[in-house]
Amino acid sequence: MTFCLTDYDAYGFDLDHTLAKYKLTELCRLAYEGACEALINTKGYDNKLKDDISLHKDFICKGLFLDADKGNILKLSHDGKVLRASHGTKMLTKDELKKTYGADLHWEHFQEAKDNVKSSDVRRFYRYTLLLLYKHDVTETVLETFNLLVSSLKESSLENLWRRIELT
């Protein structure tokens, strides 16, 4: 059996290096630049959204959750303790974390978010989970764009953020 690549409109690739060895640094840069271009050209975001991805390399990380109520990106321990967090591209200090999440640093929505990872209800799933960021390195570059968006939004605009993400 043979197949012809021209018979297909789109190709999907799994990044487990089964069929190809990827240059992940370059692939991440291209994904980031593509996401920025799309937001700038089709959604009207400010051109300053796009900058050098290497400036934000500390934000590229698997297993992140979104605290939608506070607009923070969270890195959690296995039991829901906030290990670190950012609001946009600004990393929160230990004092800010304690003020926001309490002395025990436990994220109150952890169990619900954990349950939603296995949910087939897409809206519930997206409520707390950065879907592809949780699974693949390449899509983690989308986090860069998201961080910059959150940094540029006023507090009152966070409600509109979900509408923008769902429509994109």
N, C-alpha and C. Protein backbone atom coordinates (compact mmCIF):
# COMPACT_ATOMS: atom_id res chain seq x y z
N MET A 1 0.84 -1.18 0.00
CA MET A 1 0.00 0.00 0.00
C MET A 1 0.89 1.24 0.00
N THR A 2 0.55 2.21 -0.82
CA THR A 2 1.29 3.47 -0.87
C THR A 2 0.32 4.62 -0.69
N PHE A 3 0.85 5.75 -0.35
CA PHE A 3 0.03 6.95 -0.26
C PHE A 3 0.84 8.13 -0.78
N CYS A 4 0.10 9.15 -1.21
CA CYS A 4 0.73 10.33 -1.78
C CYS A 4 0.44 11.52 -0.88
N LEU A 5 1.46 12.23 -0.46
CA LEU A 5 1.28 13.37 0.44
C LEU A 5 0.41 14.46 -0.18
N THR A 6 0.38 14.56 -1.50
CA THR A 6 -0.44 15.60 -2.14
C THR A 6 -1.93 15.30 -2.04
N ASP A 7 -2.30 14.10 -1.60
CA ASP A 7 -3.71 13.76 -1.42
C ASP A 7 -4.29 14.35 -0.13
N TYR A 8 -3.46 14.96 0.69
CA TYR A 8 -3.90 15.45 1.99
C TYR A 8 -3.79 16.96 2.09
N ASP A 9 -4.77 17.56 2.78
CA ASP A 9 -4.78 19.01 2.98
C ASP A 9 -3.88 19.43 4.14
N ALA A 10 -3.71 18.56 5.11
CA ALA A 10 -2.92 18.90 6.30
C ALA A 10 -2.22 17.66 6.82
N TYR A 11 -1.11 17.88 7.48
CA TYR A 11 -0.34 16.79 8.08
C TYR A 11 -0.20 17.07 9.57
N GLY A 12 -0.32 16.04 10.37
CA GLY A 12 -0.12 16.18 11.81
C GLY A 12 1.12 15.42 12.22
N PHE A 13 1.84 15.97 13.17
CA PHE A 13 3.07 15.34 13.63
C PHE A 13 3.06 15.19 15.14
N ASP A 14 3.43 14.03 15.60
CA ASP A 14 3.60 13.78 17.01
C ASP A 14 5.07 14.04 17.33
N LEU A 15 5.33 14.74 18.38
CA LEU A 15 6.71 15.14 18.67
C LEU A 15 7.46 14.15 19.55
N ASP A 16 7.16 12.88 19.40
CA ASP A 16 7.89 11.89 20.19
C ASP A 16 9.14 11.38 19.48
N HIS A 17 9.48 12.00 18.37
CA HIS A 17 10.69 11.68 17.60
C HIS A 17 10.67 10.28 17.00
N THR A 18 9.47 9.71 16.79
CA THR A 18 9.36 8.38 16.19
C THR A 18 9.79 8.38 14.73
N LEU A 19 9.29 9.34 13.97
CA LEU A 19 9.57 9.38 12.54
C LEU A 19 10.66 10.38 12.17
N ALA A 20 10.88 11.33 13.02
CA ALA A 20 11.86 12.37 12.68
C ALA A 20 12.48 12.92 13.96
N LYS A 21 13.67 13.40 13.83
CA LYS A 21 14.36 14.08 14.94
C LYS A 21 14.17 15.57 14.72
N TYR A 22 13.43 16.22 15.59
CA TYR A 22 13.10 17.62 15.43
C TYR A 22 14.16 18.52 16.07
N LYS A 23 14.34 19.67 15.48
CA LYS A 23 15.16 20.72 16.09
C LYS A 23 14.19 21.56 16.91
N LEU A 24 13.98 21.15 18.16
CA LEU A 24 12.92 21.74 18.98
C LEU A 24 13.08 23.23 19.21
N THR A 25 14.30 23.69 19.35
CA THR A 25 14.50 25.13 19.56
C THR A 25 13.96 25.92 18.38
N GLU A 26 14.30 25.48 17.19
CA GLU A 26 13.83 26.16 15.98
C GLU A 26 12.33 25.99 15.81
N LEU A 27 11.82 24.80 16.09
CA LEU A 27 10.39 24.54 15.96
C LEU A 27 9.59 25.40 16.94
N CYS A 28 10.09 25.54 18.16
CA CYS A 28 9.42 26.41 19.15
C CYS A 28 9.42 27.86 18.69
N ARG A 29 10.55 28.31 18.17
CA ARG A 29 10.64 29.69 17.69
C ARG A 29 9.63 29.92 16.56
N LEU A 30 9.53 28.99 15.62
CA LEU A 30 8.60 29.13 14.51
C LEU A 30 7.14 29.12 14.98
N ALA A 31 6.83 28.24 15.93
CA ALA A 31 5.47 28.18 16.47
C ALA A 31 5.11 29.48 17.18
N TYR A 32 6.04 30.00 17.95
CA TYR A 32 5.82 31.26 18.66
C TYR A 32 5.60 32.41 17.68
N GLU A 33 6.48 32.51 16.70
CA GLU A 33 6.35 33.59 15.72
C GLU A 33 5.05 33.47 14.94
N GLY A 34 4.65 32.25 14.60
CA GLY A 34 3.39 32.04 13.89
C GLY A 34 2.19 32.44 14.72
N ALA A 35 2.20 32.08 16.00
CA ALA A 35 1.09 32.45 16.89
C ALA A 35 1.01 33.97 17.04
N CYS A 36 2.16 34.61 17.20
CA CYS A 36 2.18 36.07 17.32
C CYS A 36 1.65 36.73 16.05
N GLU A 37 2.12 36.28 14.90
CA GLU A 37 1.67 36.84 13.62
C GLU A 37 0.17 36.70 13.47
N ALA A 38 -0.36 35.53 13.83
CA ALA A 38 -1.80 35.31 13.72
C ALA A 38 -2.58 36.27 14.62
N LEU A 39 -2.13 36.45 15.85
CA LEU A 39 -2.82 37.36 16.76
C LEU A 39 -2.73 38.81 16.30
N ILE A 40 -1.60 39.18 15.76
CA ILE A 40 -1.40 40.56 15.29
C ILE A 40 -2.20 40.81 14.01
N ASN A 41 -2.10 39.90 13.05
CA ASN A 41 -2.71 40.12 11.73
C ASN A 41 -4.20 39.81 11.68
N THR A 42 -4.68 38.84 12.45
CA THR A 42 -6.10 38.48 12.35
C THR A 42 -6.94 38.98 13.52
N LYS A 43 -6.31 39.23 14.66
CA LYS A 43 -7.07 39.66 15.84
C LYS A 43 -6.78 41.10 16.24
N GLY A 44 -5.84 41.73 15.54
CA GLY A 44 -5.57 43.14 15.78
C GLY A 44 -4.76 43.47 17.01
N TYR A 45 -4.02 42.50 17.54
CA TYR A 45 -3.19 42.79 18.70
C TYR A 45 -2.01 43.67 18.31
N ASP A 46 -1.48 44.38 19.30
CA ASP A 46 -0.36 45.29 19.09
C ASP A 46 0.87 44.53 18.60
N ASN A 47 1.60 45.13 17.68
CA ASN A 47 2.79 44.53 17.09
C ASN A 47 3.88 44.26 18.13
N LYS A 48 3.86 44.98 19.25
CA LYS A 48 4.88 44.76 20.28
C LYS A 48 4.71 43.41 20.98
N LEU A 49 3.59 42.74 20.71
CA LEU A 49 3.38 41.40 21.24
C LEU A 49 4.50 40.46 20.80
N LYS A 50 4.97 40.66 19.58
CA LYS A 50 6.01 39.78 19.03
C LYS A 50 7.39 40.32 19.38
N ASP A 51 8.13 39.53 20.10
CA ASP A 51 9.52 39.87 20.38
C ASP A 51 10.34 38.59 20.39
N ASP A 52 11.56 38.66 20.80
CA ASP A 52 12.47 37.53 20.78
C ASP A 52 12.06 36.50 21.83
N ILE A 53 11.74 35.30 21.40
CA ILE A 53 11.28 34.25 22.32
C ILE A 53 12.33 33.93 23.39
N SER A 54 13.58 34.12 23.07
CA SER A 54 14.63 33.80 24.05
C SER A 54 14.54 34.70 25.29
N LEU A 55 13.87 35.84 25.17
CA LEU A 55 13.68 36.71 26.32
C LEU A 55 12.74 36.09 27.35
N HIS A 56 11.94 35.12 26.91
CA HIS A 56 10.91 34.53 27.77
C HIS A 56 11.12 33.04 27.99
N LYS A 57 12.32 32.55 27.80
CA LYS A 57 12.55 31.11 27.87
C LYS A 57 12.21 30.52 29.24
N ASP A 58 12.23 31.32 30.28
CA ASP A 58 11.89 30.80 31.61
C ASP A 58 10.41 30.45 31.74
N PHE A 59 9.59 30.92 30.81
CA PHE A 59 8.16 30.65 30.87
C PHE A 59 7.77 29.39 30.11
N ILE A 60 8.70 28.79 29.40
CA ILE A 60 8.38 27.58 28.64
C ILE A 60 8.55 26.39 29.57
N CYS A 61 7.43 25.77 29.93
CA CYS A 61 7.44 24.73 30.95
C CYS A 61 6.20 23.86 30.79
N LYS A 62 6.34 22.56 30.95
CA LYS A 62 5.20 21.64 30.88
C LYS A 62 4.41 21.66 32.19
N GLY A 63 3.16 21.21 32.10
CA GLY A 63 2.36 20.98 33.29
C GLY A 63 1.88 22.25 33.98
N LEU A 64 1.50 23.24 33.20
CA LEU A 64 1.06 24.51 33.78
C LEU A 64 -0.46 24.56 33.86
N PHE A 65 -0.94 25.27 34.85
CA PHE A 65 -2.37 25.49 35.00
C PHE A 65 -2.65 26.98 35.00
N LEU A 66 -3.85 27.33 34.59
CA LEU A 66 -4.27 28.72 34.56
C LEU A 66 -5.26 28.96 35.69
N ASP A 67 -4.95 29.90 36.55
CA ASP A 67 -5.89 30.36 37.56
C ASP A 67 -6.69 31.46 36.89
N ALA A 68 -7.81 31.07 36.30
CA ALA A 68 -8.61 32.00 35.50
C ALA A 68 -9.17 33.14 36.34
N ASP A 69 -9.44 32.88 37.61
CA ASP A 69 -9.99 33.93 38.47
C ASP A 69 -9.00 35.06 38.72
N LYS A 70 -7.73 34.72 38.80
CA LYS A 70 -6.72 35.72 39.13
C LYS A 70 -5.81 36.07 37.94
N GLY A 71 -5.93 35.32 36.85
CA GLY A 71 -5.12 35.58 35.67
C GLY A 71 -3.68 35.16 35.83
N ASN A 72 -3.43 34.17 36.68
CA ASN A 72 -2.07 33.71 36.92
C ASN A 72 -1.81 32.36 36.26
N ILE A 73 -0.59 32.17 35.80
CA ILE A 73 -0.13 30.88 35.29
C ILE A 73 0.60 30.20 36.44
N LEU A 74 0.21 28.95 36.74
CA LEU A 74 0.73 28.26 37.92
C LEU A 74 1.53 27.01 37.56
N LYS A 75 2.61 26.82 38.26
CA LYS A 75 3.34 25.55 38.26
C LYS A 75 3.06 24.95 39.63
N LEU A 76 2.42 23.76 39.63
CA LEU A 76 1.96 23.15 40.87
C LEU A 76 2.74 21.89 41.20
N SER A 77 2.77 21.57 42.49
CA SER A 77 3.31 20.28 42.92
C SER A 77 2.25 19.21 42.67
N HIS A 78 2.58 17.96 42.90
CA HIS A 78 1.65 16.86 42.67
C HIS A 78 0.39 16.96 43.54
N ASP A 79 0.46 17.69 44.64
CA ASP A 79 -0.69 17.80 45.54
C ASP A 79 -1.35 19.18 45.52
N GLY A 80 -1.01 20.01 44.55
CA GLY A 80 -1.70 21.29 44.38
C GLY A 80 -1.07 22.49 45.02
N LYS A 81 0.13 22.36 45.54
CA LYS A 81 0.83 23.50 46.12
C LYS A 81 1.43 24.33 44.99
N VAL A 82 1.28 25.64 45.08
CA VAL A 82 1.84 26.53 44.07
C VAL A 82 3.35 26.62 44.27
N LEU A 83 4.09 26.10 43.30
CA LEU A 83 5.56 26.14 43.37
C LEU A 83 6.08 27.47 42.86
N ARG A 84 5.47 27.97 41.79
CA ARG A 84 5.78 29.30 41.27
C ARG A 84 4.60 29.74 40.41
N ALA A 85 4.54 31.03 40.17
CA ALA A 85 3.43 31.57 39.39
C ALA A 85 3.86 32.87 38.74
N SER A 86 3.17 33.20 37.67
CA SER A 86 3.41 34.48 37.01
C SER A 86 2.07 35.12 36.68
N HIS A 87 2.08 36.42 36.61
CA HIS A 87 0.94 37.18 36.13
C HIS A 87 1.44 37.85 34.86
N GLY A 88 1.04 37.28 33.72
CA GLY A 88 1.66 37.70 32.47
C GLY A 88 3.09 37.22 32.49
N THR A 89 4.03 38.08 32.18
CA THR A 89 5.43 37.69 32.21
C THR A 89 6.12 38.06 33.52
N LYS A 90 5.35 38.59 34.47
CA LYS A 90 5.93 38.97 35.76
C LYS A 90 5.82 37.80 36.74
N MET A 91 6.97 37.31 37.17
CA MET A 91 6.97 36.24 38.16
C MET A 91 6.54 36.81 39.51
N LEU A 92 5.70 36.07 40.23
CA LEU A 92 5.24 36.50 41.55
C LEU A 92 6.28 36.12 42.60
N THR A 93 6.47 37.00 43.56
CA THR A 93 7.40 36.73 44.66
C THR A 93 6.74 35.78 45.66
N LYS A 94 7.54 35.24 46.57
CA LYS A 94 6.99 34.36 47.62
C LYS A 94 5.93 35.09 48.44
N ASP A 95 6.18 36.36 48.76
CA ASP A 95 5.21 37.14 49.52
C ASP A 95 3.91 37.31 48.74
N GLU A 96 4.01 37.59 47.44
CA GLU A 96 2.81 37.74 46.61
C GLU A 96 2.06 36.41 46.51
N LEU A 97 2.79 35.31 46.42
CA LEU A 97 2.15 33.99 46.38
C LEU A 97 1.39 33.72 47.67
N LYS A 98 2.00 34.02 48.82
CA LYS A 98 1.33 33.80 50.11
C LYS A 98 0.11 34.68 50.26
N LYS A 99 0.21 35.93 49.81
CA LYS A 99 -0.93 36.85 49.89
C LYS A 99 -2.07 36.36 49.00
N THR A 100 -1.74 35.81 47.86
CA THR A 100 -2.75 35.37 46.90
C THR A 100 -3.31 33.99 47.22
N TYR A 101 -2.45 33.05 47.62
CA TYR A 101 -2.87 31.65 47.78
C TYR A 101 -2.81 31.14 49.21
N GLY A 102 -2.51 32.02 50.17
CA GLY A 102 -2.48 31.63 51.57
C GLY A 102 -1.13 31.06 51.97
N ALA A 103 -0.94 30.92 53.27
CA ALA A 103 0.35 30.47 53.82
C ALA A 103 0.75 29.08 53.33
N ASP A 104 -0.27 28.21 53.11
CA ASP A 104 0.06 26.85 52.65
C ASP A 104 0.26 26.76 51.14
N LEU A 105 0.00 27.86 50.44
CA LEU A 105 0.19 27.97 48.99
C LEU A 105 -0.62 26.94 48.19
N HIS A 106 -1.69 26.42 48.77
CA HIS A 106 -2.51 25.42 48.07
C HIS A 106 -3.51 26.14 47.17
N TRP A 107 -3.57 25.70 45.91
CA TRP A 107 -4.52 26.29 44.96
C TRP A 107 -5.88 25.64 45.16
N GLU A 108 -6.87 26.44 45.49
CA GLU A 108 -8.18 25.93 45.87
C GLU A 108 -8.89 25.14 44.77
N HIS A 109 -8.54 25.36 43.52
CA HIS A 109 -9.21 24.68 42.40
C HIS A 109 -8.43 23.46 41.91
N PHE A 110 -7.42 23.05 42.64
CA PHE A 110 -6.54 21.97 42.17
C PHE A 110 -7.29 20.68 41.87
N GLN A 111 -8.10 20.21 42.80
CA GLN A 111 -8.77 18.92 42.59
C GLN A 111 -9.71 18.99 41.39
N GLU A 112 -10.45 20.08 41.27
CA GLU A 112 -11.35 20.24 40.12
C GLU A 112 -10.56 20.27 38.82
N ALA A 113 -9.46 21.00 38.80
CA ALA A 113 -8.62 21.08 37.60
C ALA A 113 -8.04 19.72 37.26
N LYS A 114 -7.60 19.00 38.28
CA LYS A 114 -7.03 17.67 38.07
C LYS A 114 -8.08 16.73 37.48
N ASP A 115 -9.30 16.79 38.01
CA ASP A 115 -10.39 15.97 37.48
C ASP A 115 -10.73 16.35 36.04
N ASN A 116 -10.65 17.64 35.75
CA ASN A 116 -11.00 18.12 34.42
C ASN A 116 -10.00 17.71 33.35
N VAL A 117 -8.78 17.39 33.74
CA VAL A 117 -7.79 16.94 32.77
C VAL A 117 -8.29 15.69 32.05
N LYS A 118 -9.05 14.87 32.77
CA LYS A 118 -9.58 13.64 32.19
C LYS A 118 -10.99 13.81 31.62
N SER A 119 -11.53 15.00 31.69
CA SER A 119 -12.90 15.26 31.26
C SER A 119 -13.02 15.33 29.75
N SER A 120 -14.15 14.87 29.24
CA SER A 120 -14.42 15.00 27.81
C SER A 120 -15.17 16.29 27.52
N ASP A 121 -15.58 17.00 28.56
CA ASP A 121 -16.26 18.29 28.39
C ASP A 121 -15.20 19.36 28.17
N VAL A 122 -15.08 19.80 26.93
CA VAL A 122 -14.00 20.72 26.54
C VAL A 122 -14.04 22.02 27.34
N ARG A 123 -15.22 22.58 27.57
CA ARG A 123 -15.29 23.85 28.31
C ARG A 123 -14.79 23.67 29.74
N ARG A 124 -15.16 22.57 30.38
CA ARG A 124 -14.65 22.31 31.73
C ARG A 124 -13.15 22.14 31.70
N PHE A 125 -12.67 21.44 30.70
CA PHE A 125 -11.23 21.17 30.59
C PHE A 125 -10.44 22.46 30.45
N TYR A 126 -10.89 23.35 29.57
CA TYR A 126 -10.16 24.58 29.32
C TYR A 126 -10.24 25.56 30.48
N ARG A 127 -11.17 25.35 31.37
CA ARG A 127 -11.34 26.29 32.49
C ARG A 127 -10.04 26.46 33.26
N TYR A 128 -9.31 25.41 33.49
CA TYR A 128 -8.11 25.50 34.31
C TYR A 128 -6.83 24.99 33.64
N THR A 129 -6.95 24.30 32.54
CA THR A 129 -5.79 23.60 32.00
C THR A 129 -5.31 24.24 30.71
N LEU A 130 -4.03 24.43 30.62
CA LEU A 130 -3.44 24.86 29.37
C LEU A 130 -3.19 23.59 28.58
N LEU A 131 -4.20 23.19 27.82
CA LEU A 131 -4.29 21.87 27.18
C LEU A 131 -3.00 21.40 26.53
N LEU A 132 -2.61 22.01 25.48
CA LEU A 132 -1.47 21.51 24.74
C LEU A 132 -0.16 21.77 25.47
N LEU A 133 -0.16 22.78 26.31
CA LEU A 133 1.05 23.06 27.07
C LEU A 133 1.36 21.90 28.01
N TYR A 134 0.32 21.23 28.42
CA TYR A 134 0.48 20.11 29.33
C TYR A 134 1.10 18.90 28.63
N LYS A 135 0.91 18.82 27.31
CA LYS A 135 1.30 17.63 26.57
C LYS A 135 2.59 17.77 25.76
N HIS A 136 2.78 18.87 25.07
CA HIS A 136 3.85 18.95 24.08
C HIS A 136 4.71 20.19 24.26
N ASP A 137 5.99 20.02 24.00
CA ASP A 137 6.93 21.13 24.09
C ASP A 137 6.62 22.23 23.09
N VAL A 138 6.31 21.87 21.85
CA VAL A 138 6.13 22.86 20.80
C VAL A 138 5.01 23.83 21.13
N THR A 139 3.89 23.33 21.59
CA THR A 139 2.77 24.22 21.84
C THR A 139 2.98 25.06 23.09
N GLU A 140 3.99 24.74 23.85
CA GLU A 140 4.28 25.56 25.02
C GLU A 140 4.66 26.98 24.62
N THR A 141 5.06 27.16 23.39
CA THR A 141 5.39 28.51 22.95
C THR A 141 4.15 29.39 22.92
N VAL A 142 2.98 28.78 22.82
CA VAL A 142 1.74 29.55 22.89
C VAL A 142 1.67 30.26 24.24
N LEU A 143 2.25 29.65 25.27
CA LEU A 143 2.28 30.28 26.59
C LEU A 143 2.95 31.64 26.53
N GLU A 144 3.98 31.76 25.73
CA GLU A 144 4.65 33.04 25.59
C GLU A 144 3.66 34.11 25.17
N THR A 145 2.88 33.80 24.15
CA THR A 145 1.89 34.74 23.66
C THR A 145 0.85 35.03 24.73
N PHE A 146 0.39 33.98 25.41
CA PHE A 146 -0.61 34.16 26.45
C PHE A 146 -0.08 35.04 27.57
N ASN A 147 1.14 34.80 27.99
CA ASN A 147 1.74 35.62 29.05
C ASN A 147 1.79 37.08 28.66
N LEU A 148 2.16 37.35 27.42
CA LEU A 148 2.22 38.73 26.96
C LEU A 148 0.84 39.35 26.90
N LEU A 149 -0.15 38.56 26.49
CA LEU A 149 -1.52 39.07 26.45
C LEU A 149 -2.00 39.44 27.85
N VAL A 150 -1.80 38.55 28.81
CA VAL A 150 -2.24 38.82 30.18
C VAL A 150 -1.53 40.05 30.72
N SER A 151 -0.24 40.20 30.41
CA SER A 151 0.51 41.36 30.88
C SER A 151 -0.07 42.65 30.33
N SER A 152 -0.62 42.60 29.12
CA SER A 152 -1.10 43.82 28.49
C SER A 152 -2.56 44.12 28.80
N LEU A 153 -3.26 43.17 29.42
CA LEU A 153 -4.68 43.38 29.72
C LEU A 153 -4.86 44.06 31.07
N LYS A 154 -5.90 44.86 31.15
CA LYS A 154 -6.29 45.43 32.43
C LYS A 154 -7.09 44.37 33.17
N GLU A 155 -7.18 44.49 34.48
CA GLU A 155 -7.89 43.50 35.30
C GLU A 155 -9.31 43.26 34.79
N SER A 156 -10.00 44.32 34.37
CA SER A 156 -11.38 44.19 33.91
C SER A 156 -11.48 43.44 32.59
N SER A 157 -10.38 43.31 31.87
CA SER A 157 -10.40 42.64 30.57
C SER A 157 -10.25 41.13 30.70
N LEU A 158 -9.94 40.62 31.88
CA LEU A 158 -9.72 39.18 32.02
C LEU A 158 -10.96 38.38 31.68
N GLU A 159 -12.16 38.94 31.95
CA GLU A 159 -13.39 38.22 31.61
C GLU A 159 -13.49 38.00 30.11
N ASN A 160 -13.05 38.96 29.32
CA ASN A 160 -13.11 38.83 27.87
C ASN A 160 -12.05 37.90 27.32
N LEU A 161 -11.04 37.60 28.12
CA LEU A 161 -9.95 36.76 27.65
C LEU A 161 -10.45 35.38 27.23
N TRP A 162 -11.34 34.78 28.04
CA TRP A 162 -11.85 33.44 27.70
C TRP A 162 -12.61 33.46 26.39
N ARG A 163 -13.39 34.51 26.16
CA ARG A 163 -14.14 34.60 24.91
C ARG A 163 -13.17 34.65 23.74
N ARG A 164 -12.09 35.39 23.89
CA ARG A 164 -11.09 35.50 22.82
C ARG A 164 -10.41 34.17 22.57
N ILE A 165 -10.08 33.46 23.62
CA ILE A 165 -9.41 32.17 23.47
C ILE A 165 -10.33 31.17 22.79
N GLU A 166 -11.60 31.13 23.19
CA GLU A 166 -12.53 30.17 22.62
C GLU A 166 -12.84 30.46 21.16
N LEU A 167 -12.83 31.73 20.77
CA LEU A 167 -13.13 32.09 19.40
C LEU A 167 -11.94 31.94 18.48
N THR A 168 -10.75 31.91 19.04
CA THR A 168 -9.54 31.86 18.22
C THR A 168 -9.36 30.52 17.56
